[in-house]
Amino acid sequence: MALTLGAVILNVPDTGPAAEFWRQALDLTPDPHNGDFLAPPPGTPATRVHLDSTDRTHLDLWVDKETSTLEAEVDRLITLGAERVKDWTYPPNADFVVLKAPDGTIFCIIG
């Protein structure tokens, strides 16, 4: 294959605080030449792309059920400054929670 997904780009109002939140949330390492580029730990699985004609661009963060729970990760991210999106309409038996990063970026935690 000639192409691989290299990065997901998030439009944020201020890259410094956003980089700090996402670094801690996802255990990422800043690039030594550009702190706005955050890399995953070696051996991390490739990122998937999901296409949806009705939803905005966002991250889906999947919980590793062997090491954590949906509730624990939501609580951890809230401790880092994220907030629950209060007015989100969930389908019955939803297996996800919609959060907002400190910079306003919407993302989902999938259990």
PDB file of N, CA and C in Angstrom:
ATOM      1  N   MET A   1       0.852  -1.180   0.000  1.00  0.00           N
ATOM      2  CA  MET A   1       0.000   0.000   0.000  1.00  0.00           C
ATOM      3  C   MET A   1       0.892   1.234   0.000  1.00  0.00           C
ATOM      4  N   ALA A   2       0.573   2.173  -0.846  1.00  0.00           N
ATOM      5  CA  ALA A   2       1.378   3.379  -0.975  1.00  0.00           C
ATOM      6  C   ALA A   2       1.031   4.452   0.047  1.00  0.00           C
ATOM      7  N   LEU A   3      -0.166   4.381   0.631  1.00  0.00           N
ATOM      8  CA  LEU A   3      -0.593   5.413   1.572  1.00  0.00           C
ATOM      9  C   LEU A   3      -0.965   4.811   2.915  1.00  0.00           C
ATOM     10  N   THR A   4      -0.692   5.570   3.976  1.00  0.00           N
ATOM     11  CA  THR A   4      -1.174   5.238   5.309  1.00  0.00           C
ATOM     12  C   THR A   4      -1.726   6.514   5.928  1.00  0.00           C
ATOM     13  N   LEU A   5      -2.617   6.376   6.873  1.00  0.00           N
ATOM     14  CA  LEU A   5      -3.157   7.530   7.573  1.00  0.00           C
ATOM     15  C   LEU A   5      -2.075   8.059   8.499  1.00  0.00           C
ATOM     16  N   GLY A   6      -1.621   9.266   8.246  1.00  0.00           N
ATOM     17  CA  GLY A   6      -0.529   9.819   9.023  1.00  0.00           C
ATOM     18  C   GLY A   6      -0.972  10.581  10.255  1.00  0.00           C
ATOM     19  N   ALA A   7      -2.121  11.263  10.170  1.00  0.00           N
ATOM     20  CA  ALA A   7      -2.554  12.086  11.290  1.00  0.00           C
ATOM     21  C   ALA A   7      -4.015  12.452  11.130  1.00  0.00           C
ATOM     22  N   VAL A   8      -4.644  12.753  12.243  1.00  0.00           N
ATOM     23  CA  VAL A   8      -5.958  13.387  12.272  1.00  0.00           C
ATOM     24  C   VAL A   8      -5.701  14.824  12.708  1.00  0.00           C
ATOM     25  N   ILE A   9      -6.202  15.776  11.960  1.00  0.00           N
ATOM     26  CA  ILE A   9      -5.964  17.188  12.255  1.00  0.00           C
ATOM     27  C   ILE A   9      -7.171  17.746  13.006  1.00  0.00           C
ATOM     28  N   LEU A  10      -6.927  18.350  14.155  1.00  0.00           N
ATOM     29  CA  LEU A  10      -7.982  19.013  14.912  1.00  0.00           C
ATOM     30  C   LEU A  10      -7.793  20.520  14.805  1.00  0.00           C
ATOM     31  N   ASN A  11      -8.842  21.220  14.448  1.00  0.00           N
ATOM     32  CA  ASN A  11      -8.816  22.675  14.434  1.00  0.00           C
ATOM     33  C   ASN A  11      -9.134  23.138  15.853  1.00  0.00           C
ATOM     34  N   VAL A  12      -8.176  23.803  16.501  1.00  0.00           N
ATOM     35  CA  VAL A  12      -8.339  24.253  17.882  1.00  0.00           C
ATOM     36  C   VAL A  12      -8.004  25.736  17.976  1.00  0.00           C
ATOM     37  N   PRO A  13      -8.594  26.448  18.935  1.00  0.00           N
ATOM     38  CA  PRO A  13      -8.315  27.884  19.042  1.00  0.00           C
ATOM     39  C   PRO A  13      -6.908  28.209  19.545  1.00  0.00           C
ATOM     40  N   ASP A  14      -6.308  27.338  20.348  1.00  0.00           N
ATOM     41  CA  ASP A  14      -4.966  27.580  20.893  1.00  0.00           C
ATOM     42  C   ASP A  14      -4.254  26.236  21.011  1.00  0.00           C
ATOM     43  N   THR A  15      -3.192  26.048  20.236  1.00  0.00           N
ATOM     44  CA  THR A  15      -2.544  24.736  20.172  1.00  0.00           C
ATOM     45  C   THR A  15      -1.831  24.342  21.461  1.00  0.00           C
ATOM     46  N   GLY A  16      -1.338  25.286  22.230  1.00  0.00           N
ATOM     47  CA  GLY A  16      -0.604  24.945  23.455  1.00  0.00           C
ATOM     48  C   GLY A  16      -1.437  24.177  24.460  1.00  0.00           C
ATOM     49  N   PRO A  17      -2.545  24.757  24.947  1.00  0.00           N
ATOM     50  CA  PRO A  17      -3.391  24.014  25.894  1.00  0.00           C
ATOM     51  C   PRO A  17      -4.000  22.764  25.281  1.00  0.00           C
ATOM     52  N   ALA A  18      -4.370  22.819  24.002  1.00  0.00           N
ATOM     53  CA  ALA A  18      -4.935  21.631  23.350  1.00  0.00           C
ATOM     54  C   ALA A  18      -3.907  20.515  23.307  1.00  0.00           C
ATOM     55  N   ALA A  19      -2.658  20.834  22.981  1.00  0.00           N
ATOM     56  CA  ALA A  19      -1.604  19.816  22.940  1.00  0.00           C
ATOM     57  C   ALA A  19      -1.416  19.182  24.310  1.00  0.00           C
ATOM     58  N   GLU A  20      -1.467  19.980  25.355  1.00  0.00           N
ATOM     59  CA  GLU A  20      -1.294  19.440  26.706  1.00  0.00           C
ATOM     60  C   GLU A  20      -2.442  18.490  27.070  1.00  0.00           C
ATOM     61  N   PHE A  21      -3.685  18.875  26.769  1.00  0.00           N
ATOM     62  CA  PHE A  21      -4.828  18.014  27.071  1.00  0.00           C
ATOM     63  C   PHE A  21      -4.720  16.692  26.317  1.00  0.00           C
ATOM     64  N   TRP A  22      -4.517  16.731  24.989  1.00  0.00           N
ATOM     65  CA  TRP A  22      -4.476  15.504  24.195  1.00  0.00           C
ATOM     66  C   TRP A  22      -3.252  14.657  24.508  1.00  0.00           C
ATOM     67  N   ARG A  23      -2.137  15.294  24.869  1.00  0.00           N
ATOM     68  CA  ARG A  23      -0.948  14.534  25.273  1.00  0.00           C
ATOM     69  C   ARG A  23      -1.270  13.674  26.481  1.00  0.00           C
ATOM     70  N   GLN A  24      -1.900  14.286  27.482  1.00  0.00           N
ATOM     71  CA  GLN A  24      -2.237  13.545  28.693  1.00  0.00           C
ATOM     72  C   GLN A  24      -3.379  12.560  28.458  1.00  0.00           C
ATOM     73  N   ALA A  25      -4.375  12.965  27.673  1.00  0.00           N
ATOM     74  CA  ALA A  25      -5.537  12.102  27.453  1.00  0.00           C
ATOM     75  C   ALA A  25      -5.159  10.818  26.737  1.00  0.00           C
ATOM     76  N   LEU A  26      -4.238  10.911  25.766  1.00  0.00           N
ATOM     77  CA  LEU A  26      -3.921   9.754  24.925  1.00  0.00           C
ATOM     78  C   LEU A  26      -2.495   9.248  25.083  1.00  0.00           C
ATOM     79  N   ASP A  27      -1.762   9.733  26.084  1.00  0.00           N
ATOM     80  CA  ASP A  27      -0.381   9.298  26.319  1.00  0.00           C
ATOM     81  C   ASP A  27       0.473   9.499  25.062  1.00  0.00           C
ATOM     82  N   LEU A  28       0.376  10.700  24.496  1.00  0.00           N
ATOM     83  CA  LEU A  28       1.123  11.026  23.282  1.00  0.00           C
ATOM     84  C   LEU A  28       2.410  11.754  23.635  1.00  0.00           C
ATOM     85  N   THR A  29       3.344  11.754  22.703  1.00  0.00           N
ATOM     86  CA  THR A  29       4.637  12.412  22.892  1.00  0.00           C
ATOM     87  C   THR A  29       4.774  13.546  21.882  1.00  0.00           C
ATOM     88  N   PRO A  30       5.082  14.764  22.337  1.00  0.00           N
ATOM     89  CA  PRO A  30       5.270  15.864  21.391  1.00  0.00           C
ATOM     90  C   PRO A  30       6.493  15.628  20.507  1.00  0.00           C
ATOM     91  N   ASP A  31       6.369  15.991  19.241  1.00  0.00           N
ATOM     92  CA  ASP A  31       7.507  15.938  18.318  1.00  0.00           C
ATOM     93  C   ASP A  31       8.544  16.940  18.808  1.00  0.00           C
ATOM     94  N   PRO A  32       9.834  16.571  18.874  1.00  0.00           N
ATOM     95  CA  PRO A  32      10.844  17.496  19.381  1.00  0.00           C
ATOM     96  C   PRO A  32      11.014  18.752  18.512  1.00  0.00           C
ATOM     97  N   HIS A  33      10.593  18.689  17.260  1.00  0.00           N
ATOM     98  CA  HIS A  33      10.749  19.834  16.358  1.00  0.00           C
ATOM     99  C   HIS A  33       9.483  20.689  16.271  1.00  0.00           C
ATOM    100  N   ASN A  34       8.345  20.129  16.672  1.00  0.00           N
ATOM    101  CA  ASN A  34       7.084  20.867  16.627  1.00  0.00           C
ATOM    102  C   ASN A  34       6.144  20.276  17.670  1.00  0.00           C
ATOM    103  N   GLY A  35       5.972  20.982  18.778  1.00  0.00           N
ATOM    104  CA  GLY A  35       5.156  20.505  19.895  1.00  0.00           C
ATOM    105  C   GLY A  35       3.679  20.364  19.578  1.00  0.00           C
ATOM    106  N   ASP A  36       3.246  20.876  18.406  1.00  0.00           N
ATOM    107  CA  ASP A  36       1.852  20.709  18.000  1.00  0.00           C
ATOM    108  C   ASP A  36       1.616  19.359  17.332  1.00  0.00           C
ATOM    109  N   PHE A  37       2.679  18.629  17.031  1.00  0.00           N
ATOM    110  CA  PHE A  37       2.574  17.292  16.443  1.00  0.00           C
ATOM    111  C   PHE A  37       2.770  16.286  17.567  1.00  0.00           C
ATOM    112  N   LEU A  38       1.756  15.470  17.823  1.00  0.00           N
ATOM    113  CA  LEU A  38       1.783  14.509  18.920  1.00  0.00           C
ATOM    114  C   LEU A  38       1.780  13.105  18.348  1.00  0.00           C
ATOM    115  N   ALA A  39       2.697  12.268  18.826  1.00  0.00           N
ATOM    116  CA  ALA A  39       2.839  10.911  18.290  1.00  0.00           C
ATOM    117  C   ALA A  39       2.431   9.882  19.344  1.00  0.00           C
ATOM    118  N   PRO A  40       1.835   8.767  18.885  1.00  0.00           N
ATOM    119  CA  PRO A  40       1.466   7.700  19.819  1.00  0.00           C
ATOM    120  C   PRO A  40       2.685   6.880  20.217  1.00  0.00           C
ATOM    121  N   PRO A  41       2.552   6.113  21.293  1.00  0.00           N
ATOM    122  CA  PRO A  41       3.647   5.217  21.685  1.00  0.00           C
ATOM    123  C   PRO A  41       3.915   4.187  20.584  1.00  0.00           C
ATOM    124  N   PRO A  42       5.147   3.708  20.484  1.00  0.00           N
ATOM    125  CA  PRO A  42       5.450   2.673  19.481  1.00  0.00           C
ATOM    126  C   PRO A  42       4.557   1.455  19.666  1.00  0.00           C
ATOM    127  N   GLY A  43       4.153   0.843  18.556  1.00  0.00           N
ATOM    128  CA  GLY A  43       3.337  -0.357  18.599  1.00  0.00           C
ATOM    129  C   GLY A  43       1.850  -0.113  18.742  1.00  0.00           C
ATOM    130  N   THR A  44       1.442   1.158  18.769  1.00  0.00           N
ATOM    131  CA  THR A  44       0.017   1.464  18.876  1.00  0.00           C
ATOM    132  C   THR A  44      -0.681   1.098  17.563  1.00  0.00           C
ATOM    133  N   PRO A  45      -1.853   0.475  17.633  1.00  0.00           N
ATOM    134  CA  PRO A  45      -2.550   0.086  16.398  1.00  0.00           C
ATOM    135  C   PRO A  45      -2.884   1.296  15.533  1.00  0.00           C
ATOM    136  N   ALA A  46      -3.022   1.062  14.241  1.00  0.00           N
ATOM    137  CA  ALA A  46      -3.359   2.129  13.298  1.00  0.00           C
ATOM    138  C   ALA A  46      -4.745   2.695  13.596  1.00  0.00           C
ATOM    139  N   THR A  47      -4.930   3.944  13.260  1.00  0.00           N
ATOM    140  CA  THR A  47      -6.209   4.622  13.444  1.00  0.00           C
ATOM    141  C   THR A  47      -7.154   4.266  12.307  1.00  0.00           C
ATOM    142  N   ARG A  48      -8.409   4.025  12.642  1.00  0.00           N
ATOM    143  CA  ARG A  48      -9.418   3.726  11.634  1.00  0.00           C
ATOM    144  C   ARG A  48     -10.071   5.021  11.169  1.00  0.00           C
ATOM    145  N   VAL A  49     -10.677   5.003  10.004  1.00  0.00           N
ATOM    146  CA  VAL A  49     -11.454   6.118   9.487  1.00  0.00           C
ATOM    147  C   VAL A  49     -12.897   5.650   9.347  1.00  0.00           C
ATOM    148  N   HIS A  50     -13.814   6.371   9.967  1.00  0.00           N
ATOM    149  CA  HIS A  50     -15.236   6.082   9.842  1.00  0.00           C
ATOM    150  C   HIS A  50     -15.869   7.228   9.063  1.00  0.00           C
ATOM    151  N   LEU A  51     -16.686   6.911   8.080  1.00  0.00           N
ATOM    152  CA  LEU A  51     -17.339   7.920   7.258  1.00  0.00           C
ATOM    153  C   LEU A  51     -18.796   8.043   7.676  1.00  0.00           C
ATOM    154  N   ASP A  52     -19.265   9.294   7.814  1.00  0.00           N
ATOM    155  CA  ASP A  52     -20.628   9.550   8.262  1.00  0.00           C
ATOM    156  C   ASP A  52     -21.092  10.846   7.610  1.00  0.00           C
ATOM    157  N   SER A  53     -22.206  10.799   6.918  1.00  0.00           N
ATOM    158  CA  SER A  53     -22.684  11.988   6.209  1.00  0.00           C
ATOM    159  C   SER A  53     -23.460  12.951   7.098  1.00  0.00           C
ATOM    160  N   THR A  54     -23.746  12.572   8.339  1.00  0.00           N
ATOM    161  CA  THR A  54     -24.568  13.427   9.195  1.00  0.00           C
ATOM    162  C   THR A  54     -23.834  13.976  10.413  1.00  0.00           C
ATOM    163  N   ASP A  55     -22.622  13.561  10.656  1.00  0.00           N
ATOM    164  CA  ASP A  55     -21.919  13.944  11.883  1.00  0.00           C
ATOM    165  C   ASP A  55     -20.724  14.831  11.563  1.00  0.00           C
ATOM    166  N   ARG A  56     -20.315  15.607  12.534  1.00  0.00           N
ATOM    167  CA  ARG A  56     -19.148  16.470  12.357  1.00  0.00           C
ATOM    168  C   ARG A  56     -17.854  15.676  12.530  1.00  0.00           C
ATOM    169  N   THR A  57     -16.759  16.230  12.054  1.00  0.00           N
ATOM    170  CA  THR A  57     -15.464  15.595  12.238  1.00  0.00           C
ATOM    171  C   THR A  57     -15.132  15.587  13.732  1.00  0.00           C
ATOM    172  N   HIS A  58     -14.738  14.425  14.229  1.00  0.00           N
ATOM    173  CA  HIS A  58     -14.389  14.311  15.642  1.00  0.00           C
ATOM    174  C   HIS A  58     -13.566  13.041  15.851  1.00  0.00           C
ATOM    175  N   LEU A  59     -13.027  12.907  17.036  1.00  0.00           N
ATOM    176  CA  LEU A  59     -12.301  11.700  17.419  1.00  0.00           C
ATOM    177  C   LEU A  59     -13.232  10.741  18.137  1.00  0.00           C
ATOM    178  N   ASP A  60     -13.090   9.450  17.852  1.00  0.00           N
ATOM    179  CA  ASP A  60     -13.691   8.393  18.653  1.00  0.00           C
ATOM    180  C   ASP A  60     -12.549   7.716  19.391  1.00  0.00           C
ATOM    181  N   LEU A  61     -12.577   7.770  20.702  1.00  0.00           N
ATOM    182  CA  LEU A  61     -11.536   7.155  21.527  1.00  0.00           C
ATOM    183  C   LEU A  61     -12.110   5.877  22.117  1.00  0.00           C
ATOM    184  N   TRP A  62     -11.477   4.758  21.808  1.00  0.00           N
ATOM    185  CA  TRP A  62     -11.980   3.455  22.240  1.00  0.00           C
ATOM    186  C   TRP A  62     -11.311   3.039  23.541  1.00  0.00           C
ATOM    187  N   VAL A  63     -12.113   2.593  24.479  1.00  0.00           N
ATOM    188  CA  VAL A  63     -11.616   2.140  25.774  1.00  0.00           C
ATOM    189  C   VAL A  63     -11.068   0.723  25.627  1.00  0.00           C
ATOM    190  N   ASP A  64      -9.860   0.507  26.138  1.00  0.00           N
ATOM    191  CA  ASP A  64      -9.298  -0.842  26.219  1.00  0.00           C
ATOM    192  C   ASP A  64      -9.961  -1.510  27.415  1.00  0.00           C
ATOM    193  N   LYS A  65     -10.915  -2.386  27.163  1.00  0.00           N
ATOM    194  CA  LYS A  65     -11.723  -2.987  28.227  1.00  0.00           C
ATOM    195  C   LYS A  65     -10.927  -3.920  29.128  1.00  0.00           C
ATOM    196  N   GLU A  66      -9.721  -4.285  28.720  1.00  0.00           N
ATOM    197  CA  GLU A  66      -8.877  -5.124  29.576  1.00  0.00           C
ATOM    198  C   GLU A  66      -8.192  -4.307  30.662  1.00  0.00           C
ATOM    199  N   THR A  67      -8.087  -2.994  30.450  1.00  0.00           N
ATOM    200  CA  THR A  67      -7.361  -2.170  31.414  1.00  0.00           C
ATOM    201  C   THR A  67      -8.192  -1.051  32.037  1.00  0.00           C
ATOM    202  N   SER A  68      -9.405  -0.797  31.518  1.00  0.00           N
ATOM    203  CA  SER A  68     -10.200   0.305  32.043  1.00  0.00           C
ATOM    204  C   SER A  68     -11.670   0.101  31.697  1.00  0.00           C
ATOM    205  N   THR A  69     -12.478   1.088  32.074  1.00  0.00           N
ATOM    206  CA  THR A  69     -13.907   1.071  31.757  1.00  0.00           C
ATOM    207  C   THR A  69     -14.288   2.409  31.145  1.00  0.00           C
ATOM    208  N   LEU A  70     -15.450   2.433  30.504  1.00  0.00           N
ATOM    209  CA  LEU A  70     -15.955   3.678  29.934  1.00  0.00           C
ATOM    210  C   LEU A  70     -16.061   4.750  31.017  1.00  0.00           C
ATOM    211  N   GLU A  71     -16.648   4.407  32.132  1.00  0.00           N
ATOM    212  CA  GLU A  71     -16.850   5.371  33.215  1.00  0.00           C
ATOM    213  C   GLU A  71     -15.527   5.897  33.764  1.00  0.00           C
ATOM    214  N   ALA A  72     -14.556   4.999  33.930  1.00  0.00           N
ATOM    215  CA  ALA A  72     -13.254   5.419  34.461  1.00  0.00           C
ATOM    216  C   ALA A  72     -12.555   6.387  33.511  1.00  0.00           C
ATOM    217  N   GLU A  73     -12.644   6.130  32.208  1.00  0.00           N
ATOM    218  CA  GLU A  73     -11.981   7.012  31.243  1.00  0.00           C
ATOM    219  C   GLU A  73     -12.695   8.355  31.134  1.00  0.00           C
ATOM    220  N   VAL A  74     -14.023   8.345  31.190  1.00  0.00           N
ATOM    221  CA  VAL A  74     -14.767   9.609  31.198  1.00  0.00           C
ATOM    222  C   VAL A  74     -14.353  10.426  32.421  1.00  0.00           C
ATOM    223  N   ASP A  75     -14.310   9.796  33.580  1.00  0.00           N
ATOM    224  CA  ASP A  75     -13.894  10.499  34.805  1.00  0.00           C
ATOM    225  C   ASP A  75     -12.472  11.032  34.692  1.00  0.00           C
ATOM    226  N   ARG A  76     -11.556  10.235  34.123  1.00  0.00           N
ATOM    227  CA  ARG A  76     -10.157  10.674  33.975  1.00  0.00           C
ATOM    228  C   ARG A  76     -10.066  11.889  33.065  1.00  0.00           C
ATOM    229  N   LEU A  77     -10.798  11.880  31.963  1.00  0.00           N
ATOM    230  CA  LEU A  77     -10.740  12.997  31.025  1.00  0.00           C
ATOM    231  C   LEU A  77     -11.405  14.243  31.593  1.00  0.00           C
ATOM    232  N   ILE A  78     -12.440  14.061  32.389  1.00  0.00           N
ATOM    233  CA  ILE A  78     -13.050  15.211  33.068  1.00  0.00           C
ATOM    234  C   ILE A  78     -12.058  15.817  34.048  1.00  0.00           C
ATOM    235  N   THR A  79     -11.291  14.975  34.726  1.00  0.00           N
ATOM    236  CA  THR A  79     -10.238  15.472  35.625  1.00  0.00           C
ATOM    237  C   THR A  79      -9.211  16.318  34.864  1.00  0.00           C
ATOM    238  N   LEU A  80      -8.962  15.958  33.596  1.00  0.00           N
ATOM    239  CA  LEU A  80      -8.013  16.709  32.767  1.00  0.00           C
ATOM    240  C   LEU A  80      -8.618  17.989  32.190  1.00  0.00           C
ATOM    241  N   GLY A  81      -9.910  18.208  32.400  1.00  0.00           N
ATOM    242  CA  GLY A  81     -10.538  19.437  31.928  1.00  0.00           C
ATOM    243  C   GLY A  81     -11.656  19.258  30.916  1.00  0.00           C
ATOM    244  N   ALA A  82     -11.941  18.027  30.495  1.00  0.00           N
ATOM    245  CA  ALA A  82     -13.047  17.791  29.563  1.00  0.00           C
ATOM    246  C   ALA A  82     -14.375  17.966  30.296  1.00  0.00           C
ATOM    247  N   GLU A  83     -15.442  18.147  29.520  1.00  0.00           N
ATOM    248  CA  GLU A  83     -16.796  18.255  30.076  1.00  0.00           C
ATOM    249  C   GLU A  83     -17.732  17.367  29.277  1.00  0.00           C
ATOM    250  N   ARG A  84     -18.759  16.847  29.955  1.00  0.00           N
ATOM    251  CA  ARG A  84     -19.818  16.126  29.247  1.00  0.00           C
ATOM    252  C   ARG A  84     -20.597  17.136  28.397  1.00  0.00           C
ATOM    253  N   VAL A  85     -20.985  16.729  27.193  1.00  0.00           N
ATOM    254  CA  VAL A  85     -21.863  17.551  26.368  1.00  0.00           C
ATOM    255  C   VAL A  85     -23.287  17.255  26.834  1.00  0.00           C
ATOM    256  N   LYS A  86     -23.905  18.216  27.448  1.00  0.00           N
ATOM    257  CA  LYS A  86     -25.183  18.010  28.139  1.00  0.00           C
ATOM    258  C   LYS A  86     -26.367  17.802  27.190  1.00  0.00           C
ATOM    259  N   ASP A  87     -26.367  18.463  26.041  1.00  0.00           N
ATOM    260  CA  ASP A  87     -27.551  18.433  25.186  1.00  0.00           C
ATOM    261  C   ASP A  87     -27.455  17.417  24.049  1.00  0.00           C
ATOM    262  N   TRP A  88     -26.600  16.415  24.178  1.00  0.00           N
ATOM    263  CA  TRP A  88     -26.449  15.404  23.132  1.00  0.00           C
ATOM    264  C   TRP A  88     -27.592  14.405  23.216  1.00  0.00           C
ATOM    265  N   THR A  89     -28.161  14.040  22.078  1.00  0.00           N
ATOM    266  CA  THR A  89     -29.218  13.032  22.034  1.00  0.00           C
ATOM    267  C   THR A  89     -28.589  11.679  21.750  1.00  0.00           C
ATOM    268  N   TYR A  90     -28.701  10.771  22.703  1.00  0.00           N
ATOM    269  CA  TYR A  90     -28.112   9.435  22.580  1.00  0.00           C
ATOM    270  C   TYR A  90     -29.146   8.433  22.072  1.00  0.00           C
ATOM    271  N   PRO A  91     -28.703   7.467  21.264  1.00  0.00           N
ATOM    272  CA  PRO A  91     -29.620   6.393  20.873  1.00  0.00           C
ATOM    273  C   PRO A  91     -29.835   5.455  22.067  1.00  0.00           C
ATOM    274  N   PRO A  92     -30.884   4.610  22.007  1.00  0.00           N
ATOM    275  CA  PRO A  92     -31.076   3.632  23.090  1.00  0.00           C
ATOM    276  C   PRO A  92     -29.834   2.748  23.233  1.00  0.00           C
ATOM    277  N   ASN A  93     -29.495   2.428  24.462  1.00  0.00           N
ATOM    278  CA  ASN A  93     -28.363   1.548  24.775  1.00  0.00           C
ATOM    279  C   ASN A  93     -27.036   2.054  24.199  1.00  0.00           C
ATOM    280  N   ALA A  94     -26.840   3.339  24.208  1.00  0.00           N
ATOM    281  CA  ALA A  94     -25.597   3.925  23.674  1.00  0.00           C
ATOM    282  C   ALA A  94     -24.392   3.360  24.415  1.00  0.00           C
ATOM    283  N   ASP A  95     -23.344   3.048  23.667  1.00  0.00           N
ATOM    284  CA  ASP A  95     -22.101   2.543  24.254  1.00  0.00           C
ATOM    285  C   ASP A  95     -21.009   3.606  24.215  1.00  0.00           C
ATOM    286  N   PHE A  96     -21.409   4.872  24.220  1.00  0.00           N
ATOM    287  CA  PHE A  96     -20.449   5.967  24.129  1.00  0.00           C
ATOM    288  C   PHE A  96     -20.927   7.161  24.946  1.00  0.00           C
ATOM    289  N   VAL A  97     -19.972   8.051  25.234  1.00  0.00           N
ATOM    290  CA  VAL A  97     -20.256   9.313  25.913  1.00  0.00           C
ATOM    291  C   VAL A  97     -19.603  10.406  25.085  1.00  0.00           C
ATOM    292  N   VAL A  98     -20.329  11.501  24.873  1.00  0.00           N
ATOM    293  CA  VAL A  98     -19.800  12.635  24.123  1.00  0.00           C
ATOM    294  C   VAL A  98     -19.235  13.640  25.117  1.00  0.00           C
ATOM    295  N   LEU A  99     -17.974  13.996  24.900  1.00  0.00           N
ATOM    296  CA  LEU A  99     -17.284  14.965  25.747  1.00  0.00           C
ATOM    297  C   LEU A  99     -16.807  16.142  24.906  1.00  0.00           C
ATOM    298  N   LYS A 100     -16.455  17.212  25.608  1.00  0.00           N
ATOM    299  CA  LYS A 100     -15.881  18.398  24.986  1.00  0.00           C
ATOM    300  C   LYS A 100     -14.553  18.674  25.676  1.00  0.00           C
ATOM    301  N   ALA A 101     -13.484  18.767  24.886  1.00  0.00           N
ATOM    302  CA  ALA A 101     -12.167  19.092  25.426  1.00  0.00           C
ATOM    303  C   ALA A 101     -12.181  20.538  25.942  1.00  0.00           C
ATOM    304  N   PRO A 102     -11.184  20.935  26.746  1.00  0.00           N
ATOM    305  CA  PRO A 102     -11.162  22.294  27.266  1.00  0.00           C
ATOM    306  C   PRO A 102     -11.228  23.368  26.176  1.00  0.00           C
ATOM    307  N   ASP A 103     -10.759  23.044  24.971  1.00  0.00           N
ATOM    308  CA  ASP A 103     -10.795  24.020  23.875  1.00  0.00           C
ATOM    309  C   ASP A 103     -12.102  23.988  23.095  1.00  0.00           C
ATOM    310  N   GLY A 104     -13.042  23.137  23.487  1.00  0.00           N
ATOM    311  CA  GLY A 104     -14.333  23.053  22.818  1.00  0.00           C
ATOM    312  C   GLY A 104     -14.446  21.954  21.792  1.00  0.00           C
ATOM    313  N   THR A 105     -13.365  21.213  21.525  1.00  0.00           N
ATOM    314  CA  THR A 105     -13.389  20.123  20.568  1.00  0.00           C
ATOM    315  C   THR A 105     -14.265  18.994  21.080  1.00  0.00           C
ATOM    316  N   ILE A 106     -15.237  18.563  20.274  1.00  0.00           N
ATOM    317  CA  ILE A 106     -16.132  17.472  20.632  1.00  0.00           C
ATOM    318  C   ILE A 106     -15.472  16.138  20.283  1.00  0.00           C
ATOM    319  N   PHE A 107     -15.599  15.146  21.174  1.00  0.00           N
ATOM    320  CA  PHE A 107     -15.084  13.810  20.900  1.00  0.00           C
ATOM    321  C   PHE A 107     -15.916  12.780  21.655  1.00  0.00           C
ATOM    322  N   CYS A 108     -15.798  11.523  21.261  1.00  0.00           N
ATOM    323  CA  CYS A 108     -16.568  10.446  21.886  1.00  0.00           C
ATOM    324  C   CYS A 108     -15.648   9.443  22.556  1.00  0.00           C
ATOM    325  N   ILE A 109     -16.099   8.932  23.686  1.00  0.00           N
ATOM    326  CA  ILE A 109     -15.447   7.804  24.347  1.00  0.00           C
ATOM    327  C   ILE A 109     -16.351   6.607  24.102  1.00  0.00           C
ATOM    328  N   ILE A 110     -15.811   5.576  23.463  1.00  0.00           N
ATOM    329  CA  ILE A 110     -16.584   4.401  23.095  1.00  0.00           C
ATOM    330  C   ILE A 110     -16.224   3.259  24.039  1.00  0.00           C
ATOM    331  N   GLY A 111     -17.241   2.684  24.701  1.00  0.00           N
ATOM    332  CA  GLY A 111     -17.019   1.607  25.642  1.00  0.00           C
ATOM    333  C   GLY A 111     -17.170   0.338  24.985  1.00  0.00           C
TER     334      GLY A 111
END
